[in-house]
Amino acid sequence: MTSGMMNAPVRFSTAGLPETDRIARWEEHNAKALIGLRCRSLHDTALDATEINLQLPTAHLARVVGSPHVVERAKSEIRRVSSDAVACYLTLAGEAFFYHDDGVRLLHPGQLLVCDADQPFMRGFSHGLEELAVKIPHTVWRDLGGPRSLSQPLIIDGAVLTRTFADLVAGALRPGATPDVDEEVLLELLASVATGRAPSLSAVHLSVAKTYIEEHLTDTGLSAARVARGVGISERHLSRVFASGGTSVPRHLLHRRLERAHALLSTGEVAAVAEAAARSGFASAAHFSHRFKERYGLRATDLLREARARA
């Protein structure tokens, strides 16, 4: 299921609203766009919160940033409006507590919470929050092979699959970006994260491998063999996966390292070309300089000189 024609992300913010109306407007927006919740601000301050929403054919994606507050999915709210959905929350910054029938959990950045949105819960963000949220229907969750009962929520620590899932969601919601996400890949990743089952789609393997490469880009010893081990597939299959995307692991690695070096040089973040090469994973500054001129048609030293002149 590819993205095809897709709605643009919708942004809602309490900024600029009368302080006395912010809670009600925030609750109203979430009831329509995501899940109905009761909210209250902490520290006697007005709620300052922003949410970016994107509806895919079956899943709903959101990025939420907010000041300290507490939200509650109460029994009365569930009886009034059932969501018939599973909610996934991935903490990006700050800590969040999650109160459920089985106790209180504390979530840290990089952890993914999966819960039944029609089971009562409370979530709190004493220092504010920044998170990604994904809502999928119960029927889709069951089709993915997720646990039929979420009487106890799942809390999954960050791993390369989780980080890839987060990258895909965040990329689709990035301000100014054209939404471009393959929902089938996204859901397959979620199924793998939630169940521990190895993903079967080559497109998922490609996304996970690219995430692994980004995280180890500065390592001069990074190789196709190491990437394959890191994502749990054979080197031969990894080669086929990248070939299906019209490239190879070495070419992709070189491309991303050159892009990183170009960004460092053009913004003047480095003192010398050799530093840009080292910070981009090149073992040899001479090899880097040759490849850079071959790719961009100008010398790395000239780009750095231009950046310094602008500064």
Protein backbone atom coordinates (compact mmCIF):
# COMPACT_ATOMS: atom_id res chain seq x y z
CA MET A 1 0.00 0.00 0.00
CA THR A 2 1.91 3.04 -1.20
CA SER A 3 1.07 6.59 -0.25
CA GLY A 4 -0.43 7.68 -3.58
CA MET A 5 -2.47 10.87 -3.20
CA MET A 6 -2.16 11.89 0.42
CA ASN A 7 -3.61 14.67 2.53
CA ALA A 8 -1.17 17.31 3.70
CA PRO A 9 -0.35 17.46 7.41
CA VAL A 10 -2.65 19.70 9.46
CA ARG A 11 -1.20 21.89 12.21
CA PHE A 12 -3.08 22.99 15.31
CA SER A 13 -1.66 25.14 18.09
CA THR A 14 -2.96 26.79 21.25
CA ALA A 15 -0.54 29.69 20.71
CA GLY A 16 -2.46 32.89 20.17
CA LEU A 17 -5.69 31.53 21.67
CA PRO A 18 -7.16 33.12 24.80
CA GLU A 19 -5.59 31.38 27.78
CA THR A 20 -8.99 30.46 29.21
CA ASP A 21 -9.96 28.68 25.97
CA ARG A 22 -6.81 26.68 25.37
CA ILE A 23 -7.69 23.50 27.27
CA ALA A 24 -11.16 23.24 25.73
CA ARG A 25 -9.84 23.86 22.21
CA TRP A 26 -7.02 21.34 22.70
CA GLU A 27 -9.47 18.68 23.90
CA GLU A 28 -11.80 19.46 21.01
CA HIS A 29 -9.02 19.14 18.45
CA ASN A 30 -7.74 15.83 19.82
CA ALA A 31 -11.23 14.34 20.01
CA LYS A 32 -11.64 15.00 16.28
CA ALA A 33 -8.11 14.37 15.07
CA LEU A 34 -6.73 11.64 17.33
CA ILE A 35 -8.28 10.40 20.61
CA GLY A 36 -10.67 12.08 23.04
CA LEU A 37 -8.80 13.05 26.22
CA ARG A 38 -9.35 15.23 29.23
CA CYS A 39 -6.50 17.64 29.82
CA ARG A 40 -5.25 19.94 32.54
CA SER A 41 -2.21 22.16 32.65
CA LEU A 42 0.40 22.00 35.39
CA HIS A 43 2.11 24.72 37.42
CA ASP A 44 -0.88 27.07 36.99
CA THR A 45 0.29 28.08 33.55
CA ALA A 46 -1.62 28.29 30.29
CA LEU A 47 -1.30 25.26 28.00
CA ASP A 48 1.14 25.87 25.17
CA ALA A 49 0.83 22.94 22.77
CA THR A 50 1.13 22.19 19.06
CA GLU A 51 0.06 19.10 17.14
CA ILE A 52 0.73 18.14 13.52
CA ASN A 53 -1.69 15.49 12.22
CA LEU A 54 -1.61 13.35 9.10
CA GLN A 55 -4.28 10.84 8.11
CA LEU A 56 -3.10 7.88 6.05
CA PRO A 57 -5.55 5.37 4.55
CA THR A 58 -5.75 3.45 7.83
CA ALA A 59 -3.26 4.95 10.30
CA HIS A 60 -3.22 8.40 11.82
CA LEU A 61 0.13 10.05 12.57
CA ALA A 62 0.81 12.98 14.87
CA ARG A 63 3.70 14.94 16.32
CA VAL A 64 2.95 16.66 19.62
CA VAL A 65 4.92 19.31 21.48
CA GLY A 66 3.56 20.79 24.68
CA SER A 67 4.21 22.48 27.98
CA PRO A 68 3.75 20.53 31.26
CA HIS A 69 0.29 18.97 31.45
CA VAL A 70 -1.68 15.80 32.21
CA VAL A 71 -4.12 13.98 29.92
CA GLU A 72 -6.64 11.31 30.90
CA ARG A 73 -8.60 8.77 28.88
CA ALA A 74 -11.39 8.22 31.38
CA LYS A 75 -14.10 5.54 31.35
CA SER A 76 -16.75 8.18 30.81
CA GLU A 77 -14.93 9.47 27.73
CA ILE A 78 -14.52 5.94 26.37
CA ARG A 79 -18.23 5.21 26.87
CA ARG A 80 -19.11 8.48 25.17
CA VAL A 81 -16.82 8.04 22.16
CA SER A 82 -15.05 4.73 21.59
CA SER A 83 -11.91 4.95 19.46
CA ASP A 84 -11.75 1.23 18.56
CA ALA A 85 -8.02 1.78 18.13
CA VAL A 86 -4.54 1.05 19.41
CA ALA A 87 -2.44 4.06 20.37
CA CYS A 88 1.34 4.17 20.02
CA TYR A 89 3.36 6.93 21.69
CA LEU A 90 7.08 7.37 21.08
CA THR A 91 8.82 9.79 23.43
CA LEU A 92 11.28 12.11 21.70
CA ALA A 93 12.19 14.45 24.56
CA GLY A 94 11.36 14.72 28.23
CA GLU A 95 9.92 12.02 30.45
CA ALA A 96 6.32 10.86 30.59
CA PHE A 97 4.48 8.86 33.21
CA PHE A 98 1.78 6.41 32.18
CA TYR A 99 -0.79 5.36 34.76
CA HIS A 100 -2.78 2.24 33.96
CA ASP A 101 -4.63 -0.44 35.91
CA ASP A 102 -1.39 -2.40 36.27
CA GLY A 103 0.53 0.53 37.81
CA VAL A 104 2.67 3.49 36.85
CA ARG A 105 5.38 3.41 34.19
CA LEU A 106 7.97 6.09 33.42
CA LEU A 107 8.94 6.47 29.79
CA HIS A 108 12.19 7.99 28.57
CA PRO A 109 13.18 9.33 25.14
CA GLY A 110 13.40 6.55 22.57
CA GLN A 111 10.85 4.31 24.27
CA LEU A 112 7.63 3.30 22.53
CA LEU A 113 4.36 2.80 24.42
CA VAL A 114 1.60 0.72 22.79
CA CYS A 115 -1.76 0.63 24.53
CA ASP A 116 -5.45 0.04 23.91
CA ALA A 117 -7.02 3.48 23.52
CA ASP A 118 -10.30 2.12 24.89
CA GLN A 119 -8.77 1.12 28.22
CA PRO A 120 -8.62 3.94 30.81
CA PHE A 121 -5.24 5.56 31.31
CA MET A 122 -3.57 8.76 32.40
CA ARG A 123 -0.39 10.31 31.01
CA GLY A 124 1.61 13.16 32.51
CA PHE A 125 4.44 15.38 31.31
CA SER A 126 5.86 17.32 34.24
CA HIS A 127 8.58 18.93 32.14
CA GLY A 128 6.65 19.19 28.90
CA LEU A 129 6.66 16.73 26.04
CA GLU A 130 7.74 16.08 22.52
CA GLU A 131 6.46 12.84 21.05
CA LEU A 132 5.15 11.01 18.02
CA ALA A 133 1.74 9.35 18.14
CA VAL A 134 0.27 6.72 15.83
CA LYS A 135 -3.31 5.48 16.00
CA ILE A 136 -4.41 2.36 14.14
CA PRO A 137 -7.76 0.55 14.18
CA HIS A 138 -8.07 -2.63 16.27
CA THR A 139 -8.80 -4.61 13.10
CA VAL A 140 -5.55 -3.47 11.50
CA TRP A 141 -3.64 -4.25 14.71
CA ARG A 142 -4.99 -7.79 14.69
CA ASP A 143 -4.12 -8.21 11.01
CA LEU A 144 -0.56 -7.18 11.84
CA GLY A 145 -0.35 -10.01 14.36
CA GLY A 146 -0.22 -7.74 17.40
CA PRO A 147 -1.28 -9.15 20.79
CA ARG A 148 -5.05 -9.51 20.83
CA SER A 149 -5.16 -8.27 24.40
CA LEU A 150 -3.43 -5.10 25.50
CA SER A 151 -4.74 -5.30 29.04
CA GLN A 152 -1.14 -4.55 29.91
CA PRO A 153 0.53 -1.95 27.68
CA LEU A 154 3.69 -2.70 25.76
CA ILE A 155 6.75 -0.59 26.49
CA ILE A 156 9.51 -1.14 23.98
CA ASP A 157 13.02 0.23 24.35
CA GLY A 158 14.69 1.96 21.46
CA ALA A 159 16.34 -0.29 18.88
CA VAL A 160 17.12 0.16 15.22
CA LEU A 161 13.61 -0.99 14.23
CA THR A 162 12.00 1.45 16.66
CA ARG A 163 14.24 4.29 15.51
CA THR A 164 13.43 3.53 11.87
CA PHE A 165 9.73 3.58 12.71
CA ALA A 166 10.21 6.96 14.40
CA ASP A 167 12.19 8.30 11.42
CA LEU A 168 9.42 7.37 8.98
CA VAL A 169 6.69 8.95 11.11
CA ALA A 170 8.72 12.08 11.81
CA GLY A 171 9.65 12.43 8.14
CA ALA A 172 6.01 12.33 7.06
CA LEU A 173 5.19 15.09 9.57
CA ARG A 174 8.20 17.33 8.97
CA PRO A 175 7.10 20.96 8.42
CA GLY A 176 7.26 21.95 4.78
CA ALA A 177 7.83 18.39 3.58
CA THR A 178 5.57 16.70 1.07
CA PRO A 179 4.10 13.65 2.83
CA ASP A 180 5.71 10.60 1.32
CA VAL A 181 5.35 7.49 3.41
CA ASP A 182 4.56 3.95 2.42
CA GLU A 183 1.93 2.91 4.93
CA GLU A 184 2.56 -0.78 4.33
CA VAL A 185 6.21 -0.32 5.32
CA LEU A 186 5.21 1.72 8.35
CA LEU A 187 2.74 -0.89 9.58
CA GLU A 188 5.14 -3.77 8.92
CA LEU A 189 7.75 -1.96 11.00
CA LEU A 190 5.26 -1.45 13.81
CA ALA A 191 4.35 -5.13 13.72
CA SER A 192 8.02 -6.11 13.94
CA VAL A 193 8.65 -3.71 16.81
CA ALA A 194 5.59 -4.86 18.77
CA THR A 195 5.92 -8.61 18.21
CA GLY A 196 9.66 -9.13 17.82
CA ARG A 197 8.96 -10.81 14.48
CA ALA A 198 11.53 -10.21 11.76
CA PRO A 199 10.16 -7.93 9.02
CA SER A 200 9.45 -9.63 5.72
CA LEU A 201 9.22 -6.70 3.29
CA SER A 202 12.40 -5.75 1.42
CA ALA A 203 11.33 -2.11 1.67
CA VAL A 204 11.40 -2.43 5.45
CA HIS A 205 14.89 -3.95 5.35
CA LEU A 206 16.01 -1.05 3.16
CA SER A 207 14.60 1.55 5.57
CA VAL A 208 16.16 -0.16 8.60
CA ALA A 209 19.52 -0.50 6.85
CA LYS A 210 19.51 3.19 5.95
CA THR A 211 18.75 4.09 9.55
CA TYR A 212 21.63 1.91 10.73
CA ILE A 213 23.95 3.59 8.22
CA GLU A 214 22.91 7.07 9.38
CA GLU A 215 23.67 6.14 12.98
CA HIS A 216 27.14 4.82 12.08
CA LEU A 217 27.99 7.17 9.22
CA THR A 218 31.10 8.59 10.89
CA ASP A 219 32.59 5.14 11.50
CA THR A 220 35.35 4.65 8.93
CA GLY A 221 35.07 0.88 9.38
CA LEU A 222 31.42 0.70 8.37
CA SER A 223 30.91 -1.93 5.67
CA ALA A 224 28.11 -3.84 3.98
CA ALA A 225 28.91 -6.86 6.15
CA ARG A 226 28.58 -4.82 9.32
CA VAL A 227 25.32 -3.23 8.15
CA ALA A 228 23.90 -6.67 7.37
CA ARG A 229 24.84 -7.94 10.84
CA GLY A 230 23.40 -4.80 12.41
CA VAL A 231 19.98 -5.26 10.85
CA GLY A 232 19.90 -9.05 11.06
CA ILE A 233 19.92 -10.08 7.40
CA SER A 234 22.48 -11.71 5.14
CA GLU A 235 24.92 -9.60 3.17
CA ARG A 236 23.58 -11.11 -0.05
CA HIS A 237 20.02 -10.13 0.81
CA LEU A 238 21.20 -6.64 1.82
CA SER A 239 22.80 -6.28 -1.61
CA ARG A 240 19.54 -7.31 -3.30
CA VAL A 241 17.57 -4.87 -1.14
CA PHE A 242 19.74 -1.90 -2.16
CA ALA A 243 19.78 -3.05 -5.79
CA SER A 244 15.98 -2.94 -5.78
CA GLY A 245 16.33 0.73 -4.88
CA GLY A 246 18.72 1.33 -7.77
CA THR A 247 21.92 1.58 -5.78
CA SER A 248 24.37 -0.41 -3.65
CA VAL A 249 25.55 -0.17 -0.06
CA PRO A 250 28.95 1.37 -0.99
CA ARG A 251 27.33 3.91 -3.33
CA HIS A 252 24.69 4.86 -0.77
CA LEU A 253 27.31 5.16 1.95
CA LEU A 254 29.51 7.38 -0.23
CA HIS A 255 26.51 9.51 -1.23
CA ARG A 256 25.44 10.15 2.37
CA ARG A 257 29.00 10.87 3.53
CA LEU A 258 29.50 13.40 0.75
CA GLU A 259 26.18 15.06 1.57
CA ARG A 260 27.18 15.32 5.22
CA ALA A 261 30.57 16.78 4.35
CA HIS A 262 28.98 19.27 1.95
CA ALA A 263 26.65 20.47 4.72
CA LEU A 264 29.55 20.88 7.14
CA LEU A 265 31.63 22.82 4.62
CA SER A 266 28.86 25.03 3.26
CA THR A 267 27.83 26.17 6.74
CA GLY A 268 31.41 26.70 7.91
CA GLU A 269 31.00 24.30 10.84
CA VAL A 270 34.53 22.95 10.37
CA ALA A 271 37.93 24.56 10.53
CA ALA A 272 39.49 22.53 7.71
CA VAL A 273 38.65 20.13 4.89
CA ALA A 274 40.33 17.30 6.78
CA GLU A 275 37.94 17.86 9.68
CA ALA A 276 34.92 17.64 7.35
CA ALA A 277 36.31 14.42 5.91
CA ALA A 278 36.89 12.86 9.34
CA ARG A 279 33.48 13.93 10.66
CA SER A 280 31.83 12.35 7.63
CA GLY A 281 33.50 8.95 7.94
CA PHE A 282 36.28 9.29 5.38
CA ALA A 283 39.55 7.64 6.41
CA SER A 284 41.56 9.65 3.87
CA ALA A 285 41.26 13.42 3.32
CA ALA A 286 42.84 13.03 -0.12
CA HIS A 287 40.30 10.40 -1.18
CA PHE A 288 37.53 12.60 0.17
CA SER A 289 38.73 15.65 -1.78
CA HIS A 290 38.85 13.64 -5.01
CA ARG A 291 35.37 12.21 -4.53
CA PHE A 292 33.98 15.59 -3.48
CA LYS A 293 35.19 17.36 -6.64
CA GLU A 294 33.98 14.44 -8.74
CA ARG A 295 30.50 14.74 -7.20
CA TYR A 296 30.01 18.50 -6.89
CA GLY A 297 32.29 19.92 -9.57
CA LEU A 298 34.21 22.15 -7.15
CA ARG A 299 36.93 21.67 -4.61
CA ALA A 300 36.07 21.22 -0.97
CA THR A 301 38.55 23.96 -0.08
CA ASP A 302 36.70 26.40 -2.37
CA LEU A 303 33.36 25.64 -0.74
CA LEU A 304 34.83 26.18 2.71
CA ARG A 305 36.42 29.45 1.58
CA GLU A 306 33.05 30.67 0.25
CA ALA A 307 31.37 29.78 3.55
CA ARG A 308 33.97 31.75 5.50
CA ALA A 309 33.56 34.73 3.19
CA ARG A 310 29.80 34.74 3.75
CA ALA A 311 30.32 34.56 7.51
